[in-house]
């Protein structure tokens, strides 16, 4: 385990204030005024997010279920695990993961368990995504949101991992979920 040269007291910061610059549909943009350990006061651009949940669905034959959807910020389609924002700050993330699984893929699951939690952009956002693994899948009907257009695809874990290392999948929640799944559940498998 690593060791810091600084004491906890030497590393203490103090948020002096938060100014709401713009309120959005799913996030707020703020300026945070923070006193640093050395006494300097700095302003941070901060994105405040109520949180999200994602799910890695695994079929009975071991295929990973992903969705290909348009992402406006990148102006292209991306291949991702199903995910979505919490409907409220106190919504249990496991319920949000089950909802996103059903809405985006049309699957419901018998089993769902926590895989990992990530903060995808710690430099400027507090967004936390709890990622679950879903098994015992049964196909039902998709219930897409008005702004969603996506295709559901099933992938072999080795093929999707190759796409990660080729730089063709760059979504952090998807990369984290697939690599954590491989490490936790498939580490000792024989090819």
N, C-alpha and C. Protein backbone atom coordinates (compact mmCIF):
# COMPACT_ATOMS: atom_id res chain seq x y z
N UNK A 1 0.84 -1.18 0.00
CA UNK A 1 0.00 0.00 0.00
C UNK A 1 0.89 1.24 0.00
N UNK A 2 0.54 2.23 -0.82
CA UNK A 2 1.31 3.46 -0.91
C UNK A 2 1.20 4.30 0.34
N UNK A 3 2.18 5.16 0.54
CA UNK A 3 2.19 6.02 1.71
C UNK A 3 2.42 7.45 1.27
N UNK A 4 1.67 8.38 1.85
CA UNK A 4 1.80 9.79 1.54
C UNK A 4 2.83 10.43 2.46
N UNK A 5 3.52 11.43 1.93
CA UNK A 5 4.47 12.19 2.75
C UNK A 5 3.77 13.26 3.58
N UNK A 6 2.50 13.55 3.27
CA UNK A 6 1.76 14.61 3.94
C UNK A 6 0.77 14.03 4.95
N UNK A 7 0.57 14.77 6.03
CA UNK A 7 -0.41 14.36 7.02
C UNK A 7 -1.80 14.73 6.50
N UNK A 8 -2.82 14.15 7.14
CA UNK A 8 -4.20 14.45 6.76
C UNK A 8 -4.48 15.95 6.93
N UNK A 9 -3.95 16.54 7.96
CA UNK A 9 -4.14 17.98 8.20
C UNK A 9 -3.52 18.81 7.08
N UNK A 10 -2.36 18.40 6.60
CA UNK A 10 -1.69 19.12 5.52
C UNK A 10 -2.44 19.01 4.20
N UNK A 11 -3.29 18.01 4.05
CA UNK A 11 -4.03 17.78 2.81
C UNK A 11 -5.47 18.29 2.88
N UNK A 12 -5.84 19.00 3.93
CA UNK A 12 -7.21 19.45 4.12
C UNK A 12 -7.55 20.62 3.19
N UNK A 13 -8.70 20.51 2.54
CA UNK A 13 -9.24 21.60 1.73
C UNK A 13 -10.54 22.06 2.36
N UNK A 14 -11.02 23.23 1.94
CA UNK A 14 -12.29 23.74 2.44
C UNK A 14 -13.06 24.38 1.29
N UNK A 15 -14.27 23.85 1.04
CA UNK A 15 -15.13 24.48 0.03
C UNK A 15 -15.75 25.72 0.65
N UNK A 16 -15.46 26.85 0.06
CA UNK A 16 -15.94 28.13 0.58
C UNK A 16 -17.29 28.53 0.00
N UNK A 17 -17.64 27.95 -1.13
CA UNK A 17 -18.92 28.28 -1.73
C UNK A 17 -19.12 27.57 -3.04
N UNK A 18 -20.39 27.53 -3.47
CA UNK A 18 -20.77 26.93 -4.75
C UNK A 18 -21.78 27.86 -5.40
N UNK A 19 -21.49 28.29 -6.63
CA UNK A 19 -22.39 29.15 -7.38
C UNK A 19 -22.97 28.35 -8.55
N UNK A 20 -24.29 28.25 -8.60
CA UNK A 20 -24.95 27.59 -9.72
C UNK A 20 -24.87 28.51 -10.94
N UNK A 21 -24.23 28.03 -11.99
CA UNK A 21 -24.10 28.79 -13.23
C UNK A 21 -25.25 28.46 -14.17
N UNK A 22 -25.58 27.17 -14.26
CA UNK A 22 -26.64 26.74 -15.18
C UNK A 22 -27.23 25.43 -14.69
N UNK A 23 -28.57 25.35 -14.69
CA UNK A 23 -29.26 24.12 -14.32
C UNK A 23 -29.70 23.43 -15.61
N UNK A 24 -29.33 22.17 -15.75
CA UNK A 24 -29.69 21.39 -16.93
C UNK A 24 -30.71 20.33 -16.58
N UNK A 25 -31.11 19.58 -17.59
CA UNK A 25 -32.11 18.52 -17.38
C UNK A 25 -31.55 17.37 -16.54
N UNK A 26 -30.27 17.05 -16.71
CA UNK A 26 -29.70 15.92 -15.97
C UNK A 26 -28.49 16.30 -15.12
N UNK A 27 -28.02 17.54 -15.22
CA UNK A 27 -26.87 17.95 -14.45
C UNK A 27 -26.89 19.46 -14.23
N UNK A 28 -26.11 19.90 -13.24
CA UNK A 28 -25.95 21.32 -12.96
C UNK A 28 -24.49 21.69 -13.17
N UNK A 29 -24.27 22.89 -13.69
CA UNK A 29 -22.91 23.41 -13.88
C UNK A 29 -22.69 24.48 -12.82
N UNK A 30 -21.63 24.31 -12.02
CA UNK A 30 -21.36 25.20 -10.90
C UNK A 30 -19.92 25.69 -10.92
N UNK A 31 -19.70 26.80 -10.23
CA UNK A 31 -18.35 27.26 -9.90
C UNK A 31 -18.17 27.03 -8.41
N UNK A 32 -17.16 26.25 -8.06
CA UNK A 32 -16.85 25.99 -6.66
C UNK A 32 -15.62 26.80 -6.26
N UNK A 33 -15.73 27.48 -5.13
CA UNK A 33 -14.61 28.24 -4.57
C UNK A 33 -14.02 27.39 -3.45
N UNK A 34 -12.73 27.01 -3.60
CA UNK A 34 -12.11 26.07 -2.67
C UNK A 34 -10.79 26.64 -2.15
N UNK A 35 -10.62 26.55 -0.84
CA UNK A 35 -9.35 26.92 -0.22
C UNK A 35 -8.48 25.67 -0.17
N UNK A 36 -7.31 25.76 -0.80
CA UNK A 36 -6.40 24.62 -0.90
C UNK A 36 -5.53 24.52 0.35
N UNK A 37 -4.86 23.38 0.55
CA UNK A 37 -4.02 23.20 1.74
C UNK A 37 -2.93 24.26 1.90
N UNK A 38 -2.47 24.82 0.77
CA UNK A 38 -1.42 25.84 0.85
C UNK A 38 -1.97 27.24 1.08
N UNK A 39 -3.31 27.36 1.24
CA UNK A 39 -3.94 28.65 1.51
C UNK A 39 -4.47 29.36 0.28
N UNK A 40 -4.09 28.91 -0.91
CA UNK A 40 -4.61 29.53 -2.13
C UNK A 40 -6.09 29.22 -2.30
N UNK A 41 -6.83 30.19 -2.81
CA UNK A 41 -8.25 30.00 -3.11
C UNK A 41 -8.38 29.87 -4.62
N UNK A 42 -9.03 28.80 -5.07
CA UNK A 42 -9.19 28.54 -6.50
C UNK A 42 -10.66 28.33 -6.83
N UNK A 43 -10.99 28.55 -8.10
CA UNK A 43 -12.34 28.32 -8.61
C UNK A 43 -12.30 27.09 -9.51
N UNK A 44 -13.18 26.13 -9.25
CA UNK A 44 -13.29 24.93 -10.06
C UNK A 44 -14.60 24.95 -10.82
N UNK A 45 -14.56 24.56 -12.09
CA UNK A 45 -15.78 24.25 -12.84
C UNK A 45 -16.21 22.86 -12.39
N UNK A 46 -17.46 22.71 -11.97
CA UNK A 46 -17.93 21.44 -11.44
C UNK A 46 -19.28 21.08 -12.06
N UNK A 47 -19.38 19.84 -12.49
CA UNK A 47 -20.63 19.28 -12.97
C UNK A 47 -21.21 18.45 -11.81
N UNK A 48 -22.41 18.81 -11.37
CA UNK A 48 -23.08 18.09 -10.29
C UNK A 48 -24.15 17.19 -10.91
N UNK A 49 -24.06 15.91 -10.62
CA UNK A 49 -24.91 14.89 -11.24
C UNK A 49 -25.55 14.07 -10.13
N UNK A 50 -26.80 13.64 -10.29
CA UNK A 50 -27.46 12.89 -9.22
C UNK A 50 -27.10 11.41 -9.21
N UNK A 51 -26.31 10.97 -10.18
CA UNK A 51 -25.85 9.59 -10.19
C UNK A 51 -26.50 8.77 -11.29
N UNK A 52 -25.94 7.59 -11.50
CA UNK A 52 -26.40 6.74 -12.59
C UNK A 52 -26.19 5.28 -12.20
N UNK A 53 -26.77 4.42 -12.99
CA UNK A 53 -26.60 2.97 -12.83
C UNK A 53 -26.42 2.36 -14.20
N UNK A 54 -25.67 1.28 -14.24
CA UNK A 54 -25.43 0.56 -15.49
C UNK A 54 -25.47 -0.93 -15.18
N UNK A 55 -25.60 -1.71 -16.24
CA UNK A 55 -25.71 -3.15 -16.04
C UNK A 55 -25.04 -3.88 -17.20
N UNK A 56 -24.30 -4.93 -16.85
CA UNK A 56 -23.70 -5.81 -17.85
C UNK A 56 -24.53 -7.09 -17.88
N UNK A 57 -25.41 -7.22 -18.87
CA UNK A 57 -26.23 -8.43 -18.98
C UNK A 57 -25.41 -9.57 -19.60
N UNK A 58 -25.51 -10.76 -19.01
CA UNK A 58 -24.80 -11.93 -19.50
C UNK A 58 -25.83 -13.02 -19.77
N UNK A 59 -25.89 -13.48 -21.02
CA UNK A 59 -26.85 -14.51 -21.40
C UNK A 59 -26.44 -15.85 -20.81
N UNK A 60 -27.34 -16.81 -20.87
CA UNK A 60 -27.07 -18.15 -20.33
C UNK A 60 -25.89 -18.81 -21.03
N UNK A 61 -25.64 -18.45 -22.31
CA UNK A 61 -24.49 -19.03 -23.02
C UNK A 61 -23.25 -18.13 -22.96
N UNK A 62 -23.25 -17.16 -22.04
CA UNK A 62 -22.05 -16.37 -21.79
C UNK A 62 -21.83 -15.16 -22.68
N UNK A 63 -22.79 -14.82 -23.51
CA UNK A 63 -22.66 -13.63 -24.36
C UNK A 63 -22.97 -12.39 -23.54
N UNK A 64 -22.29 -11.30 -23.87
CA UNK A 64 -22.53 -10.02 -23.23
C UNK A 64 -23.50 -9.22 -24.09
N UNK A 65 -24.52 -8.66 -23.47
CA UNK A 65 -25.53 -7.89 -24.20
C UNK A 65 -25.17 -6.41 -24.10
N UNK A 66 -24.93 -5.80 -25.25
CA UNK A 66 -24.59 -4.39 -25.32
C UNK A 66 -25.57 -3.67 -26.22
N UNK A 67 -25.56 -2.35 -26.13
CA UNK A 67 -26.43 -1.54 -26.98
C UNK A 67 -25.57 -0.59 -27.81
N UNK A 68 -25.93 -0.45 -29.06
CA UNK A 68 -25.28 0.52 -29.94
C UNK A 68 -26.23 1.69 -30.05
N UNK A 69 -25.77 2.88 -29.62
CA UNK A 69 -26.65 4.04 -29.61
C UNK A 69 -25.90 5.30 -29.99
N UNK A 70 -26.66 6.28 -30.46
CA UNK A 70 -26.08 7.56 -30.86
C UNK A 70 -25.78 8.39 -29.63
N UNK A 71 -24.57 8.97 -29.61
CA UNK A 71 -24.15 9.86 -28.54
C UNK A 71 -23.83 11.21 -29.15
N UNK A 72 -24.67 12.18 -28.86
CA UNK A 72 -24.55 13.50 -29.46
C UNK A 72 -23.21 14.17 -29.16
N UNK A 73 -22.70 14.05 -27.95
CA UNK A 73 -21.44 14.71 -27.59
C UNK A 73 -20.29 14.25 -28.49
N UNK A 74 -20.34 13.01 -28.96
CA UNK A 74 -19.31 12.47 -29.84
C UNK A 74 -19.72 12.50 -31.31
N UNK A 75 -21.00 12.77 -31.57
CA UNK A 75 -21.58 12.77 -32.91
C UNK A 75 -21.32 11.45 -33.64
N UNK A 76 -21.57 10.36 -32.91
CA UNK A 76 -21.42 9.03 -33.50
C UNK A 76 -22.14 8.00 -32.63
N UNK A 77 -22.25 6.80 -33.18
CA UNK A 77 -22.80 5.68 -32.43
C UNK A 77 -21.69 5.04 -31.61
N UNK A 78 -22.03 4.57 -30.43
CA UNK A 78 -21.08 3.88 -29.56
C UNK A 78 -21.68 2.56 -29.11
N UNK A 79 -20.82 1.61 -28.79
CA UNK A 79 -21.24 0.31 -28.27
C UNK A 79 -21.01 0.34 -26.76
N UNK A 80 -22.08 0.15 -25.97
CA UNK A 80 -22.03 0.35 -24.53
C UNK A 80 -22.86 -0.69 -23.79
N UNK A 81 -22.63 -0.75 -22.49
CA UNK A 81 -23.55 -1.49 -21.64
C UNK A 81 -24.76 -0.59 -21.39
N UNK A 82 -25.93 -1.18 -21.13
CA UNK A 82 -27.11 -0.36 -20.82
C UNK A 82 -26.89 0.46 -19.55
N UNK A 83 -27.33 1.71 -19.58
CA UNK A 83 -27.12 2.60 -18.43
C UNK A 83 -28.08 3.77 -18.50
N UNK A 84 -28.24 4.43 -17.37
CA UNK A 84 -29.06 5.63 -17.33
C UNK A 84 -28.97 6.32 -15.99
N UNK A 85 -29.39 7.56 -15.98
CA UNK A 85 -29.37 8.35 -14.76
C UNK A 85 -30.45 7.92 -13.79
N UNK A 86 -30.20 8.22 -12.53
CA UNK A 86 -31.20 7.95 -11.50
C UNK A 86 -32.37 8.90 -11.68
N UNK A 87 -33.58 8.44 -11.41
CA UNK A 87 -34.76 9.30 -11.52
C UNK A 87 -34.82 10.30 -10.37
N UNK A 88 -34.20 9.95 -9.24
CA UNK A 88 -34.09 10.87 -8.10
C UNK A 88 -32.80 10.50 -7.36
N UNK A 89 -32.30 11.41 -6.57
CA UNK A 89 -31.05 11.17 -5.86
C UNK A 89 -31.14 10.00 -4.89
N UNK A 90 -32.35 9.66 -4.43
CA UNK A 90 -32.49 8.57 -3.47
C UNK A 90 -32.97 7.26 -4.11
N UNK A 91 -33.07 7.21 -5.45
CA UNK A 91 -33.45 5.96 -6.10
C UNK A 91 -32.34 4.93 -5.91
N UNK A 92 -32.67 3.72 -5.45
CA UNK A 92 -31.64 2.69 -5.33
C UNK A 92 -31.06 2.37 -6.72
N UNK A 93 -29.74 2.32 -6.80
CA UNK A 93 -29.12 2.10 -8.11
C UNK A 93 -29.45 0.72 -8.67
N UNK A 94 -29.70 -0.25 -7.83
CA UNK A 94 -30.05 -1.58 -8.33
C UNK A 94 -31.39 -1.53 -9.08
N UNK A 95 -32.32 -0.71 -8.59
CA UNK A 95 -33.61 -0.56 -9.27
C UNK A 95 -33.42 0.15 -10.60
N UNK A 96 -32.56 1.17 -10.62
CA UNK A 96 -32.28 1.89 -11.87
C UNK A 96 -31.61 0.97 -12.89
N UNK A 97 -30.72 0.10 -12.42
CA UNK A 97 -30.05 -0.84 -13.33
C UNK A 97 -31.06 -1.82 -13.93
N UNK A 98 -31.97 -2.33 -13.11
CA UNK A 98 -33.01 -3.23 -13.62
C UNK A 98 -33.91 -2.51 -14.62
N UNK A 99 -34.24 -1.26 -14.34
CA UNK A 99 -35.08 -0.47 -15.24
C UNK A 99 -34.38 -0.27 -16.58
N UNK A 100 -33.11 0.11 -16.55
CA UNK A 100 -32.37 0.35 -17.79
C UNK A 100 -32.20 -0.94 -18.59
N UNK A 101 -31.97 -2.05 -17.90
CA UNK A 101 -31.89 -3.34 -18.57
C UNK A 101 -33.15 -3.61 -19.35
N UNK A 102 -34.29 -3.45 -18.71
CA UNK A 102 -35.58 -3.71 -19.35
C UNK A 102 -35.87 -2.72 -20.47
N UNK A 103 -35.69 -1.42 -20.18
CA UNK A 103 -36.02 -0.40 -21.18
C UNK A 103 -35.16 -0.52 -22.43
N UNK A 104 -33.84 -0.66 -22.23
CA UNK A 104 -32.93 -0.60 -23.37
C UNK A 104 -32.77 -1.92 -24.12
N UNK A 105 -32.83 -3.04 -23.41
CA UNK A 105 -32.59 -4.32 -24.08
C UNK A 105 -33.83 -5.18 -24.22
N UNK A 106 -34.84 -4.91 -23.40
CA UNK A 106 -36.01 -5.76 -23.39
C UNK A 106 -35.84 -6.98 -22.50
N UNK A 107 -34.71 -7.14 -21.86
CA UNK A 107 -34.48 -8.27 -20.97
C UNK A 107 -34.88 -7.93 -19.54
N UNK A 108 -35.32 -8.96 -18.81
CA UNK A 108 -35.45 -8.91 -17.36
C UNK A 108 -34.53 -10.00 -16.84
N UNK A 109 -34.13 -9.88 -15.57
CA UNK A 109 -33.16 -10.84 -15.05
C UNK A 109 -33.66 -11.50 -13.77
N UNK A 110 -33.18 -12.71 -13.53
CA UNK A 110 -33.45 -13.42 -12.28
C UNK A 110 -32.47 -12.99 -11.20
N UNK A 111 -31.23 -12.68 -11.62
CA UNK A 111 -30.17 -12.36 -10.66
C UNK A 111 -29.48 -11.06 -11.08
N UNK A 112 -29.24 -10.20 -10.09
CA UNK A 112 -28.48 -8.98 -10.33
C UNK A 112 -27.61 -8.73 -9.10
N UNK A 113 -26.34 -8.43 -9.34
CA UNK A 113 -25.43 -8.17 -8.23
C UNK A 113 -24.45 -7.07 -8.61
N UNK A 114 -23.97 -6.39 -7.58
CA UNK A 114 -23.01 -5.30 -7.77
C UNK A 114 -21.72 -5.85 -8.37
N UNK A 115 -21.20 -5.16 -9.37
CA UNK A 115 -19.92 -5.50 -9.96
C UNK A 115 -18.86 -4.50 -9.50
N UNK A 116 -19.03 -3.21 -9.86
CA UNK A 116 -18.11 -2.16 -9.46
C UNK A 116 -18.85 -0.82 -9.43
N UNK A 117 -18.22 0.16 -8.79
CA UNK A 117 -18.69 1.55 -8.84
C UNK A 117 -17.55 2.38 -9.42
N UNK A 118 -17.92 3.34 -10.27
CA UNK A 118 -16.90 4.21 -10.87
C UNK A 118 -17.33 5.67 -10.81
N UNK A 119 -16.35 6.54 -10.80
CA UNK A 119 -16.53 7.97 -11.01
C UNK A 119 -15.82 8.26 -12.34
N UNK A 120 -16.55 8.38 -13.45
CA UNK A 120 -15.90 8.43 -14.76
C UNK A 120 -15.09 9.70 -15.05
N UNK A 121 -15.39 10.81 -14.41
CA UNK A 121 -14.67 12.06 -14.71
C UNK A 121 -14.42 12.85 -13.44
N UNK A 122 -13.52 12.37 -12.60
CA UNK A 122 -13.30 12.96 -11.28
C UNK A 122 -12.71 14.37 -11.34
N UNK A 123 -12.15 14.77 -12.44
CA UNK A 123 -11.54 16.10 -12.53
C UNK A 123 -12.58 17.22 -12.48
N UNK A 124 -13.81 16.94 -12.92
CA UNK A 124 -14.80 18.02 -12.96
C UNK A 124 -16.23 17.58 -12.68
N UNK A 125 -16.45 16.33 -12.28
CA UNK A 125 -17.82 15.89 -12.02
C UNK A 125 -17.87 14.93 -10.84
N UNK A 126 -19.00 14.98 -10.11
CA UNK A 126 -19.21 14.05 -9.01
C UNK A 126 -20.03 12.83 -9.44
N UNK A 127 -20.29 12.68 -10.74
CA UNK A 127 -21.12 11.56 -11.20
C UNK A 127 -20.52 10.23 -10.77
N UNK A 128 -21.36 9.42 -10.14
CA UNK A 128 -20.99 8.07 -9.73
C UNK A 128 -21.91 7.11 -10.46
N UNK A 129 -21.33 6.04 -11.01
CA UNK A 129 -22.10 5.01 -11.69
C UNK A 129 -21.87 3.69 -10.98
N UNK A 130 -22.95 3.12 -10.44
CA UNK A 130 -22.88 1.78 -9.88
C UNK A 130 -23.19 0.82 -11.02
N UNK A 131 -22.30 -0.16 -11.21
CA UNK A 131 -22.43 -1.10 -12.32
C UNK A 131 -22.73 -2.49 -11.77
N UNK A 132 -23.76 -3.09 -12.31
CA UNK A 132 -24.23 -4.41 -11.89
C UNK A 132 -24.02 -5.43 -12.99
N UNK A 133 -24.05 -6.70 -12.60
CA UNK A 133 -24.06 -7.79 -13.56
C UNK A 133 -25.41 -8.48 -13.43
N UNK A 134 -26.04 -8.74 -14.58
CA UNK A 134 -27.37 -9.37 -14.59
C UNK A 134 -27.28 -10.72 -15.31
N UNK A 135 -27.84 -11.75 -14.68
CA UNK A 135 -27.87 -13.09 -15.26
C UNK A 135 -29.28 -13.66 -15.14
N UNK A 136 -29.48 -14.82 -15.75
CA UNK A 136 -30.81 -15.42 -15.74
C UNK A 136 -31.76 -14.56 -16.57
N UNK A 137 -31.33 -14.18 -17.76
CA UNK A 137 -32.08 -13.24 -18.59
C UNK A 137 -33.26 -13.89 -19.30
N UNK A 138 -34.35 -13.15 -19.39
CA UNK A 138 -35.53 -13.53 -20.16
C UNK A 138 -35.89 -12.35 -21.05
N UNK A 139 -36.09 -12.62 -22.33
CA UNK A 139 -36.40 -11.55 -23.29
C UNK A 139 -37.87 -11.16 -23.20
N UNK A 140 -38.10 -9.85 -23.07
CA UNK A 140 -39.45 -9.26 -23.09
C UNK A 140 -39.45 -8.19 -24.17
N UNK A 141 -40.07 -7.04 -23.92
CA UNK A 141 -40.12 -5.94 -24.89
C UNK A 141 -39.30 -4.76 -24.42
N UNK A 142 -38.65 -4.10 -25.37
CA UNK A 142 -37.94 -2.85 -25.07
C UNK A 142 -38.96 -1.75 -24.78
N UNK A 143 -38.53 -0.77 -23.98
CA UNK A 143 -39.35 0.41 -23.68
C UNK A 143 -38.43 1.62 -23.74
N UNK A 144 -38.04 2.01 -24.95
CA UNK A 144 -37.07 3.08 -25.13
C UNK A 144 -37.65 4.44 -24.79
N UNK A 145 -36.78 5.31 -24.24
CA UNK A 145 -37.16 6.70 -24.03
C UNK A 145 -37.28 7.37 -25.40
N UNK A 146 -37.98 8.50 -25.44
CA UNK A 146 -38.22 9.22 -26.68
C UNK A 146 -36.93 9.60 -27.41
N UNK A 147 -35.87 9.89 -26.64
CA UNK A 147 -34.61 10.33 -27.26
C UNK A 147 -33.64 9.17 -27.53
N UNK A 148 -34.09 7.93 -27.36
CA UNK A 148 -33.21 6.78 -27.56
C UNK A 148 -33.54 6.06 -28.87
N UNK A 149 -32.49 5.75 -29.60
CA UNK A 149 -32.57 4.89 -30.77
C UNK A 149 -31.36 3.98 -30.67
N UNK A 150 -31.59 2.70 -30.46
CA UNK A 150 -30.45 1.81 -30.28
C UNK A 150 -30.73 0.41 -30.77
N UNK A 151 -29.63 -0.29 -31.02
CA UNK A 151 -29.68 -1.70 -31.41
C UNK A 151 -29.09 -2.53 -30.28
N UNK A 152 -29.68 -3.68 -30.03
CA UNK A 152 -29.20 -4.61 -29.01
C UNK A 152 -28.32 -5.64 -29.71
N UNK A 153 -27.12 -5.86 -29.17
CA UNK A 153 -26.18 -6.80 -29.77
C UNK A 153 -25.62 -7.73 -28.71
N UNK A 154 -25.35 -8.97 -29.08
CA UNK A 154 -24.72 -9.93 -28.19
C UNK A 154 -23.29 -10.17 -28.66
N UNK A 155 -22.36 -10.15 -27.70
CA UNK A 155 -20.95 -10.25 -28.02
C UNK A 155 -20.26 -11.31 -27.17
N UNK A 156 -19.29 -11.98 -27.75
CA UNK A 156 -18.39 -12.86 -27.02
C UNK A 156 -17.42 -11.98 -26.23
N UNK A 157 -17.12 -12.36 -25.01
CA UNK A 157 -16.28 -11.52 -24.14
C UNK A 157 -14.90 -11.29 -24.74
N UNK A 158 -14.31 -12.27 -25.41
CA UNK A 158 -12.99 -12.08 -26.00
C UNK A 158 -13.04 -11.10 -27.17
N UNK A 159 -14.08 -11.18 -27.97
CA UNK A 159 -14.22 -10.26 -29.11
C UNK A 159 -14.42 -8.83 -28.64
N UNK A 160 -15.24 -8.62 -27.62
CA UNK A 160 -15.49 -7.27 -27.13
C UNK A 160 -14.25 -6.72 -26.42
N UNK A 161 -13.50 -7.59 -25.74
CA UNK A 161 -12.26 -7.16 -25.11
C UNK A 161 -11.25 -6.71 -26.17
N UNK A 162 -11.19 -7.41 -27.28
CA UNK A 162 -10.30 -7.00 -28.38
C UNK A 162 -10.67 -5.61 -28.87
N UNK A 163 -11.96 -5.32 -28.98
CA UNK A 163 -12.39 -3.97 -29.41
C UNK A 163 -11.94 -2.90 -28.42
N UNK A 164 -11.91 -3.24 -27.14
CA UNK A 164 -11.43 -2.29 -26.13
C UNK A 164 -9.96 -1.97 -26.40
N UNK A 165 -9.14 -3.01 -26.54
CA UNK A 165 -7.71 -2.80 -26.72
C UNK A 165 -7.34 -2.25 -28.09
N UNK A 166 -8.25 -2.36 -29.06
CA UNK A 166 -8.04 -1.74 -30.37
C UNK A 166 -8.49 -0.28 -30.37
N UNK A 167 -9.04 0.19 -29.26
CA UNK A 167 -9.49 1.58 -29.16
C UNK A 167 -10.84 1.83 -29.82
N UNK A 168 -11.57 0.77 -30.12
CA UNK A 168 -12.88 0.93 -30.77
C UNK A 168 -14.01 1.08 -29.76
N UNK A 169 -13.77 0.70 -28.51
CA UNK A 169 -14.69 0.98 -27.41
C UNK A 169 -13.92 1.87 -26.45
N UNK A 170 -14.45 3.07 -26.21
CA UNK A 170 -13.77 4.04 -25.37
C UNK A 170 -14.63 4.53 -24.21
N UNK A 171 -15.84 4.02 -24.08
CA UNK A 171 -16.74 4.41 -23.00
C UNK A 171 -16.24 3.80 -21.69
N UNK A 172 -15.97 4.65 -20.69
CA UNK A 172 -15.33 4.19 -19.45
C UNK A 172 -16.17 3.18 -18.67
N UNK A 173 -17.49 3.37 -18.61
CA UNK A 173 -18.31 2.44 -17.83
C UNK A 173 -18.31 1.06 -18.49
N UNK A 174 -18.30 1.04 -19.81
CA UNK A 174 -18.30 -0.22 -20.55
C UNK A 174 -16.96 -0.93 -20.39
N UNK A 175 -15.88 -0.19 -20.54
CA UNK A 175 -14.55 -0.78 -20.37
C UNK A 175 -14.40 -1.32 -18.95
N UNK A 176 -14.76 -0.52 -17.96
CA UNK A 176 -14.64 -0.95 -16.57
C UNK A 176 -15.45 -2.20 -16.29
N UNK A 177 -16.68 -2.23 -16.78
CA UNK A 177 -17.57 -3.36 -16.53
C UNK A 177 -17.04 -4.64 -17.18
N UNK A 178 -16.63 -4.56 -18.42
CA UNK A 178 -16.19 -5.76 -19.13
C UNK A 178 -14.89 -6.30 -18.54
N UNK A 179 -13.93 -5.42 -18.26
CA UNK A 179 -12.67 -5.89 -17.69
C UNK A 179 -12.84 -6.40 -16.27
N UNK A 180 -13.70 -5.77 -15.48
CA UNK A 180 -13.97 -6.27 -14.13
C UNK A 180 -14.67 -7.62 -14.19
N UNK A 181 -15.62 -7.77 -15.10
CA UNK A 181 -16.32 -9.05 -15.28
C UNK A 181 -15.33 -10.15 -15.65
N UNK A 182 -14.47 -9.85 -16.63
CA UNK A 182 -13.47 -10.86 -17.05
C UNK A 182 -12.59 -11.26 -15.89
N UNK A 183 -12.12 -10.27 -15.13
CA UNK A 183 -11.21 -10.55 -14.02
C UNK A 183 -11.90 -11.32 -12.90
N UNK A 184 -13.11 -10.92 -12.58
CA UNK A 184 -13.81 -11.52 -11.44
C UNK A 184 -14.39 -12.90 -11.76
N UNK A 185 -14.95 -13.07 -12.96
CA UNK A 185 -15.70 -14.29 -13.26
C UNK A 185 -15.02 -15.22 -14.23
N UNK A 186 -14.09 -14.73 -15.05
CA UNK A 186 -13.51 -15.58 -16.09
C UNK A 186 -12.01 -15.72 -15.97
N UNK A 187 -11.42 -15.24 -14.91
CA UNK A 187 -9.96 -15.19 -14.76
C UNK A 187 -9.31 -16.56 -14.95
N UNK A 188 -9.90 -17.58 -14.41
CA UNK A 188 -9.27 -18.89 -14.43
C UNK A 188 -9.84 -19.83 -15.49
N UNK A 189 -10.56 -19.28 -16.46
CA UNK A 189 -11.13 -20.17 -17.47
C UNK A 189 -10.07 -20.64 -18.46
N UNK A 190 -10.32 -21.77 -19.03
CA UNK A 190 -9.41 -22.36 -20.03
C UNK A 190 -9.97 -22.02 -21.41
N UNK A 191 -9.12 -21.51 -22.29
CA UNK A 191 -9.57 -21.18 -23.66
C UNK A 191 -9.52 -22.40 -24.55
